[in-house]
Amino acid sequence: MKVYGYVRVSSTDQNEDRQMLAMSRAEVPAANVYVDKQSGKDFKRPRYLKLVKKLRPGDMLYILSIDRLGRNYEEIQRQWRVLTKEIGVDICVLDMPLLDTRQGKDLMGTFIADLVLQILSFVAQNERENIKKRQAEGIAAAKARGVRFGRPEKPVPENFDRIVSDWQEKKLPFDKVLDRCGISEATFYRRVRERRIMQEGVRN
């Protein structure tokens, strides 16, 4: 029997120290801890897939919380079934002692573990959906207050119209135009379009 651990954070900006500390306390060998840093958007997990290929019947797998296995109810249930039924490993969810397949392998113990798993995986998905909903509501409220998201646009130089005119009259090459404006090609063309629309509006 070998002992493994799986750690997942949703992006490269998050820190996995808390999960790694839990693995250390569970005495999982550092070489057997597989870590994924992947966005929850696409949920690609190369290290997890590599871990699953290594697992053998009777091996022990530690995870800190049930939502490390998946991003929604169905996925968590599916991964649990693959690991415990198809491969035959034992799983211990460190923050939920009832989810330890080494305990209560009789009919009642299995029933309780399955029930807890269904409840927790539902809670994990529900919380994730609530977080997304709160984020969307917060962004909408901020936009309604006039808050702008993303990087602020770089201002064009005061003599932008003169630069554009020289460029249009072929007095100034395009690379020199971008150098003098200090903006990207896409931004330059957008600003030209914006000014043209503004000028047409004034004339009308």
C-alpha atoms as a PDB file:
ATOM      1  CA  MET A   1       0.000   0.000   0.000  1.00  0.00           C
ATOM      2  CA  LYS A   2       1.226   3.502  -0.864  1.00  0.00           C
ATOM      3  CA  VAL A   3       0.036   6.792   0.601  1.00  0.00           C
ATOM      4  CA  TYR A   4      -0.732   9.769  -1.652  1.00  0.00           C
ATOM      5  CA  GLY A   5      -2.091  13.272  -1.290  1.00  0.00           C
ATOM      6  CA  TYR A   6      -3.829  15.578  -3.731  1.00  0.00           C
ATOM      7  CA  VAL A   7      -3.791  19.365  -3.500  1.00  0.00           C
ATOM      8  CA  ARG A   8      -5.627  21.770  -5.781  1.00  0.00           C
ATOM      9  CA  VAL A   9      -5.882  25.545  -5.851  1.00  0.00           C
ATOM     10  CA  SER A  10      -8.037  27.304  -8.413  1.00  0.00           C
ATOM     11  CA  SER A  11      -5.344  29.535  -9.883  1.00  0.00           C
ATOM     12  CA  THR A  12      -1.609  30.184  -9.808  1.00  0.00           C
ATOM     13  CA  ASP A  13      -2.309  33.215  -7.601  1.00  0.00           C
ATOM     14  CA  GLN A  14      -3.623  31.147  -4.702  1.00  0.00           C
ATOM     15  CA  ASN A  15      -1.404  29.584  -2.080  1.00  0.00           C
ATOM     16  CA  GLU A  16      -1.464  25.869  -1.387  1.00  0.00           C
ATOM     17  CA  ASP A  17       0.345  26.088   1.989  1.00  0.00           C
ATOM     18  CA  ARG A  18      -2.734  25.199   4.073  1.00  0.00           C
ATOM     19  CA  GLN A  19      -3.357  22.028   2.092  1.00  0.00           C
ATOM     20  CA  MET A  20       0.328  21.099   2.078  1.00  0.00           C
ATOM     21  CA  LEU A  21       0.459  21.493   5.866  1.00  0.00           C
ATOM     22  CA  ALA A  22      -2.523  19.144   6.159  1.00  0.00           C
ATOM     23  CA  MET A  23      -0.708  16.585   3.996  1.00  0.00           C
ATOM     24  CA  SER A  24       2.364  16.849   6.206  1.00  0.00           C
ATOM     25  CA  ARG A  25       0.304  16.307   9.356  1.00  0.00           C
ATOM     26  CA  ALA A  26      -1.245  13.227   7.735  1.00  0.00           C
ATOM     27  CA  GLU A  27       2.331  11.986   7.139  1.00  0.00           C
ATOM     28  CA  VAL A  28       1.954  11.854   3.372  1.00  0.00           C
ATOM     29  CA  PRO A  29       5.435  11.635   1.778  1.00  0.00           C
ATOM     30  CA  ALA A  30       6.226  14.920   0.041  1.00  0.00           C
ATOM     31  CA  ALA A  31       7.156  13.044  -3.149  1.00  0.00           C
ATOM     32  CA  ASN A  32       3.648  11.544  -3.232  1.00  0.00           C
ATOM     33  CA  VAL A  33       1.740  14.839  -3.021  1.00  0.00           C
ATOM     34  CA  TYR A  34       0.351  15.901  -6.398  1.00  0.00           C
ATOM     35  CA  VAL A  35      -0.472  19.599  -6.815  1.00  0.00           C
ATOM     36  CA  ASP A  36      -2.590  21.273  -9.495  1.00  0.00           C
ATOM     37  CA  LYS A  37      -2.832  25.041  -9.929  1.00  0.00           C
ATOM     38  CA  GLN A  38      -5.613  25.416 -12.436  1.00  0.00           C
ATOM     39  CA  SER A  39      -8.441  27.831 -13.048  1.00  0.00           C
ATOM     40  CA  GLY A  40     -11.847  26.547 -12.041  1.00  0.00           C
ATOM     41  CA  LYS A  41     -13.092  27.708 -15.436  1.00  0.00           C
ATOM     42  CA  ASP A  42     -11.649  24.841 -17.474  1.00  0.00           C
ATOM     43  CA  PHE A  43     -10.657  22.566 -14.577  1.00  0.00           C
ATOM     44  CA  LYS A  44      -7.851  20.840 -16.448  1.00  0.00           C
ATOM     45  CA  ARG A  45      -5.864  18.845 -13.910  1.00  0.00           C
ATOM     46  CA  PRO A  46      -2.753  17.200 -15.397  1.00  0.00           C
ATOM     47  CA  ARG A  47      -1.258  16.252 -12.013  1.00  0.00           C
ATOM     48  CA  TYR A  48      -4.501  14.684 -10.854  1.00  0.00           C
ATOM     49  CA  LEU A  49      -4.691  12.575 -14.012  1.00  0.00           C
ATOM     50  CA  LYS A  50      -1.113  11.470 -13.460  1.00  0.00           C
ATOM     51  CA  LEU A  51      -1.943  10.551  -9.858  1.00  0.00           C
ATOM     52  CA  VAL A  52      -4.963   8.476 -10.888  1.00  0.00           C
ATOM     53  CA  LYS A  53      -2.748   6.428 -13.238  1.00  0.00           C
ATOM     54  CA  LYS A  54      -0.388   5.666 -10.349  1.00  0.00           C
ATOM     55  CA  LEU A  55      -3.038   4.595  -7.872  1.00  0.00           C
ATOM     56  CA  ARG A  56      -3.464   0.880  -7.192  1.00  0.00           C
ATOM     57  CA  PRO A  57      -6.059  -1.090  -5.186  1.00  0.00           C
ATOM     58  CA  GLY A  58      -5.434  -0.656  -1.462  1.00  0.00           C
ATOM     59  CA  ASP A  59      -3.552   2.649  -1.806  1.00  0.00           C
ATOM     60  CA  MET A  60      -4.485   5.544   0.473  1.00  0.00           C
ATOM     61  CA  LEU A  61      -5.397   9.012  -0.828  1.00  0.00           C
ATOM     62  CA  TYR A  62      -5.689  12.115   1.357  1.00  0.00           C
ATOM     63  CA  ILE A  63      -7.450  15.335   0.343  1.00  0.00           C
ATOM     64  CA  LEU A  64      -8.191  18.292   2.596  1.00  0.00           C
ATOM     65  CA  SER A  65     -11.777  18.905   1.494  1.00  0.00           C
ATOM     66  CA  ILE A  66     -14.277  17.223  -0.783  1.00  0.00           C
ATOM     67  CA  ASP A  67     -14.381  20.072  -3.324  1.00  0.00           C
ATOM     68  CA  ARG A  68     -10.754  19.319  -4.283  1.00  0.00           C
ATOM     69  CA  LEU A  69     -12.141  16.394  -6.306  1.00  0.00           C
ATOM     70  CA  GLY A  70     -14.415  18.424  -8.554  1.00  0.00           C
ATOM     71  CA  ARG A  71     -16.136  21.715  -9.234  1.00  0.00           C
ATOM     72  CA  ASN A  72     -19.720  20.474  -9.109  1.00  0.00           C
ATOM     73  CA  TYR A  73     -21.934  17.799  -7.575  1.00  0.00           C
ATOM     74  CA  GLU A  74     -21.784  15.365 -10.500  1.00  0.00           C
ATOM     75  CA  GLU A  75     -18.032  15.602 -10.936  1.00  0.00           C
ATOM     76  CA  ILE A  76     -17.291  15.038  -7.246  1.00  0.00           C
ATOM     77  CA  GLN A  77     -19.568  11.996  -7.194  1.00  0.00           C
ATOM     78  CA  ARG A  78     -17.991  10.623 -10.383  1.00  0.00           C
ATOM     79  CA  GLN A  79     -14.411  11.004  -9.149  1.00  0.00           C
ATOM     80  CA  TRP A  80     -15.277   9.419  -5.806  1.00  0.00           C
ATOM     81  CA  ARG A  81     -16.790   6.436  -7.599  1.00  0.00           C
ATOM     82  CA  VAL A  82     -13.780   6.047  -9.924  1.00  0.00           C
ATOM     83  CA  LEU A  83     -11.326   6.163  -7.043  1.00  0.00           C
ATOM     84  CA  THR A  84     -13.138   3.967  -4.538  1.00  0.00           C
ATOM     85  CA  LYS A  85     -15.074   1.544  -6.751  1.00  0.00           C
ATOM     86  CA  GLU A  86     -13.179   1.259 -10.020  1.00  0.00           C
ATOM     87  CA  ILE A  87      -9.612   1.606  -8.753  1.00  0.00           C
ATOM     88  CA  GLY A  88     -10.245   0.451  -5.194  1.00  0.00           C
ATOM     89  CA  VAL A  89      -8.313   3.028  -3.163  1.00  0.00           C
ATOM     90  CA  ASP A  90      -9.215   4.336   0.272  1.00  0.00           C
ATOM     91  CA  ILE A  91      -9.902   8.066   0.637  1.00  0.00           C
ATOM     92  CA  CYS A  92      -9.678  10.243   3.719  1.00  0.00           C
ATOM     93  CA  VAL A  93     -11.159  13.757   3.592  1.00  0.00           C
ATOM     94  CA  LEU A  94      -9.205  15.495   6.325  1.00  0.00           C
ATOM     95  CA  ASP A  95     -11.736  18.191   7.217  1.00  0.00           C
ATOM     96  CA  MET A  96     -14.601  15.674   7.349  1.00  0.00           C
ATOM     97  CA  PRO A  97     -13.676  12.582   9.413  1.00  0.00           C
ATOM     98  CA  LEU A  98     -16.912  10.797   8.420  1.00  0.00           C
ATOM     99  CA  LEU A  99     -15.526  10.596   4.878  1.00  0.00           C
ATOM    100  CA  ASP A 100     -12.801   8.054   5.585  1.00  0.00           C
ATOM    101  CA  THR A 101     -13.406   4.854   3.662  1.00  0.00           C
ATOM    102  CA  ARG A 102     -11.184   2.888   6.053  1.00  0.00           C
ATOM    103  CA  GLN A 103     -13.863   3.292   8.710  1.00  0.00           C
ATOM    104  CA  GLY A 104     -17.241   1.617   8.742  1.00  0.00           C
ATOM    105  CA  LYS A 105     -16.907  -0.696   5.757  1.00  0.00           C
ATOM    106  CA  ASP A 106     -20.106  -2.510   6.759  1.00  0.00           C
ATOM    107  CA  LEU A 107     -23.445  -1.695   5.135  1.00  0.00           C
ATOM    108  CA  MET A 108     -24.394   1.012   7.654  1.00  0.00           C
ATOM    109  CA  GLY A 109     -20.961   2.665   7.487  1.00  0.00           C
ATOM    110  CA  THR A 110     -21.047   2.706   3.695  1.00  0.00           C
ATOM    111  CA  PHE A 111     -24.565   4.160   3.707  1.00  0.00           C
ATOM    112  CA  ILE A 112     -23.563   6.969   6.088  1.00  0.00           C
ATOM    113  CA  ALA A 113     -20.435   7.787   4.086  1.00  0.00           C
ATOM    114  CA  ASP A 114     -22.408   7.883   0.821  1.00  0.00           C
ATOM    115  CA  LEU A 115     -25.038  10.123   2.400  1.00  0.00           C
ATOM    116  CA  VAL A 116     -22.423  12.524   3.792  1.00  0.00           C
ATOM    117  CA  LEU A 117     -20.664  12.579   0.415  1.00  0.00           C
ATOM    118  CA  GLN A 118     -23.870  13.532  -1.399  1.00  0.00           C
ATOM    119  CA  ILE A 119     -24.657  16.286   1.086  1.00  0.00           C
ATOM    120  CA  LEU A 120     -21.160  17.758   1.059  1.00  0.00           C
ATOM    121  CA  SER A 121     -20.778  17.667  -2.717  1.00  0.00           C
ATOM    122  CA  PHE A 122     -24.148  19.426  -3.031  1.00  0.00           C
ATOM    123  CA  VAL A 123     -23.061  22.045  -0.494  1.00  0.00           C
ATOM    124  CA  ALA A 124     -19.750  22.555  -2.342  1.00  0.00           C
ATOM    125  CA  GLN A 125     -21.516  23.187  -5.665  1.00  0.00           C
ATOM    126  CA  ASN A 126     -24.155  25.393  -4.046  1.00  0.00           C
ATOM    127  CA  GLU A 127     -21.515  27.540  -2.349  1.00  0.00           C
ATOM    128  CA  ARG A 128     -19.567  27.888  -5.598  1.00  0.00           C
ATOM    129  CA  GLU A 129     -22.713  29.027  -7.430  1.00  0.00           C
ATOM    130  CA  ASN A 130     -23.529  31.490  -4.634  1.00  0.00           C
ATOM    131  CA  ILE A 131     -20.017  32.967  -4.836  1.00  0.00           C
ATOM    132  CA  LYS A 132     -20.356  33.450  -8.607  1.00  0.00           C
ATOM    133  CA  LYS A 133     -23.780  35.028  -8.103  1.00  0.00           C
ATOM    134  CA  ARG A 134     -22.472  37.441  -5.459  1.00  0.00           C
ATOM    135  CA  GLN A 135     -19.532  38.361  -7.687  1.00  0.00           C
ATOM    136  CA  ALA A 136     -21.847  39.074 -10.627  1.00  0.00           C
ATOM    137  CA  GLU A 137     -24.149  41.164  -8.437  1.00  0.00           C
ATOM    138  CA  GLY A 138     -21.161  43.083  -7.041  1.00  0.00           C
ATOM    139  CA  ILE A 139     -19.800  43.818 -10.521  1.00  0.00           C
ATOM    140  CA  ALA A 140     -23.229  44.951 -11.750  1.00  0.00           C
ATOM    141  CA  ALA A 141     -23.640  47.254  -8.739  1.00  0.00           C
ATOM    142  CA  ALA A 142     -20.162  48.703  -9.243  1.00  0.00           C
ATOM    143  CA  LYS A 143     -20.824  49.357 -12.940  1.00  0.00           C
ATOM    144  CA  ALA A 144     -24.094  51.070 -12.024  1.00  0.00           C
ATOM    145  CA  ARG A 145     -22.060  53.403  -9.788  1.00  0.00           C
ATOM    146  CA  GLY A 146     -19.771  54.190 -12.709  1.00  0.00           C
ATOM    147  CA  VAL A 147     -16.855  51.994 -11.682  1.00  0.00           C
ATOM    148  CA  ARG A 148     -14.810  50.925 -14.693  1.00  0.00           C
ATOM    149  CA  PHE A 149     -13.035  47.577 -14.771  1.00  0.00           C
ATOM    150  CA  GLY A 150      -9.801  46.683 -16.484  1.00  0.00           C
ATOM    151  CA  ARG A 151      -6.687  48.749 -17.028  1.00  0.00           C
ATOM    152  CA  PRO A 152      -7.203  52.498 -17.516  1.00  0.00           C
ATOM    153  CA  GLU A 153      -6.731  53.603 -21.091  1.00  0.00           C
ATOM    154  CA  LYS A 154      -3.472  55.311 -21.897  1.00  0.00           C
ATOM    155  CA  PRO A 155      -3.989  58.973 -22.867  1.00  0.00           C
ATOM    156  CA  VAL A 156      -2.957  60.175 -26.307  1.00  0.00           C
ATOM    157  CA  PRO A 157      -0.583  63.138 -26.654  1.00  0.00           C
ATOM    158  CA  GLU A 158      -2.002  66.664 -26.928  1.00  0.00           C
ATOM    159  CA  ASN A 159      -0.875  66.906 -30.540  1.00  0.00           C
ATOM    160  CA  PHE A 160      -2.595  63.646 -31.491  1.00  0.00           C
ATOM    161  CA  ASP A 161      -4.670  65.301 -34.233  1.00  0.00           C
ATOM    162  CA  ARG A 162      -1.516  66.753 -35.774  1.00  0.00           C
ATOM    163  CA  ILE A 163       0.211  63.356 -35.683  1.00  0.00           C
ATOM    164  CA  VAL A 164      -2.791  61.702 -37.329  1.00  0.00           C
ATOM    165  CA  SER A 165      -2.895  64.393 -39.977  1.00  0.00           C
ATOM    166  CA  ASP A 166       0.804  63.979 -40.766  1.00  0.00           C
ATOM    167  CA  TRP A 167       0.325  60.220 -40.991  1.00  0.00           C
ATOM    168  CA  GLN A 168      -2.657  60.527 -43.310  1.00  0.00           C
ATOM    169  CA  GLU A 169      -0.680  62.912 -45.524  1.00  0.00           C
ATOM    170  CA  LYS A 170       2.156  60.360 -45.540  1.00  0.00           C
ATOM    171  CA  LYS A 171       4.503  62.805 -43.840  1.00  0.00           C
ATOM    172  CA  LEU A 172       5.054  60.414 -40.954  1.00  0.00           C
ATOM    173  CA  PRO A 173       5.640  56.633 -41.130  1.00  0.00           C
ATOM    174  CA  PHE A 174       3.356  54.465 -39.008  1.00  0.00           C
ATOM    175  CA  ASP A 175       6.093  53.196 -36.674  1.00  0.00           C
ATOM    176  CA  LYS A 176       6.995  56.808 -35.840  1.00  0.00           C
ATOM    177  CA  VAL A 177       3.311  57.528 -35.190  1.00  0.00           C
ATOM    178  CA  LEU A 178       3.129  54.745 -32.588  1.00  0.00           C
ATOM    179  CA  ASP A 179       6.391  55.875 -30.987  1.00  0.00           C
ATOM    180  CA  ARG A 180       5.168  59.445 -30.601  1.00  0.00           C
ATOM    181  CA  CYS A 181       1.761  58.391 -29.301  1.00  0.00           C
ATOM    182  CA  GLY A 182       3.107  55.688 -26.992  1.00  0.00           C
ATOM    183  CA  ILE A 183       0.148  53.401 -27.658  1.00  0.00           C
ATOM    184  CA  SER A 184      -0.475  50.107 -29.426  1.00  0.00           C
ATOM    185  CA  GLU A 185      -1.628  49.797 -33.028  1.00  0.00           C
ATOM    186  CA  ALA A 186      -5.101  48.620 -31.959  1.00  0.00           C
ATOM    187  CA  THR A 187      -5.477  51.543 -29.540  1.00  0.00           C
ATOM    188  CA  PHE A 188      -4.311  54.016 -32.198  1.00  0.00           C
ATOM    189  CA  TYR A 189      -6.935  52.904 -34.700  1.00  0.00           C
ATOM    190  CA  ARG A 190      -9.637  52.898 -32.023  1.00  0.00           C
ATOM    191  CA  ARG A 191      -8.769  56.440 -30.967  1.00  0.00           C
ATOM    192  CA  VAL A 192      -8.804  57.586 -34.602  1.00  0.00           C
ATOM    193  CA  ARG A 193     -12.285  56.093 -35.058  1.00  0.00           C
ATOM    194  CA  GLU A 194     -13.527  57.677 -31.830  1.00  0.00           C
ATOM    195  CA  ARG A 195     -12.282  61.121 -32.866  1.00  0.00           C
ATOM    196  CA  ARG A 196     -13.812  60.783 -36.319  1.00  0.00           C
ATOM    197  CA  ILE A 197     -17.201  59.914 -34.778  1.00  0.00           C
ATOM    198  CA  MET A 198     -16.930  62.859 -32.372  1.00  0.00           C
ATOM    199  CA  GLN A 199     -16.074  65.254 -35.192  1.00  0.00           C
ATOM    200  CA  GLU A 200     -18.986  64.031 -37.305  1.00  0.00           C
ATOM    201  CA  GLY A 201     -21.297  64.476 -34.343  1.00  0.00           C
ATOM    202  CA  VAL A 202     -20.144  68.060 -33.870  1.00  0.00           C
ATOM    203  CA  ARG A 203     -20.695  68.853 -37.568  1.00  0.00           C
ATOM    204  CA  ASN A 204     -24.203  67.390 -37.424  1.00  0.00           C
END
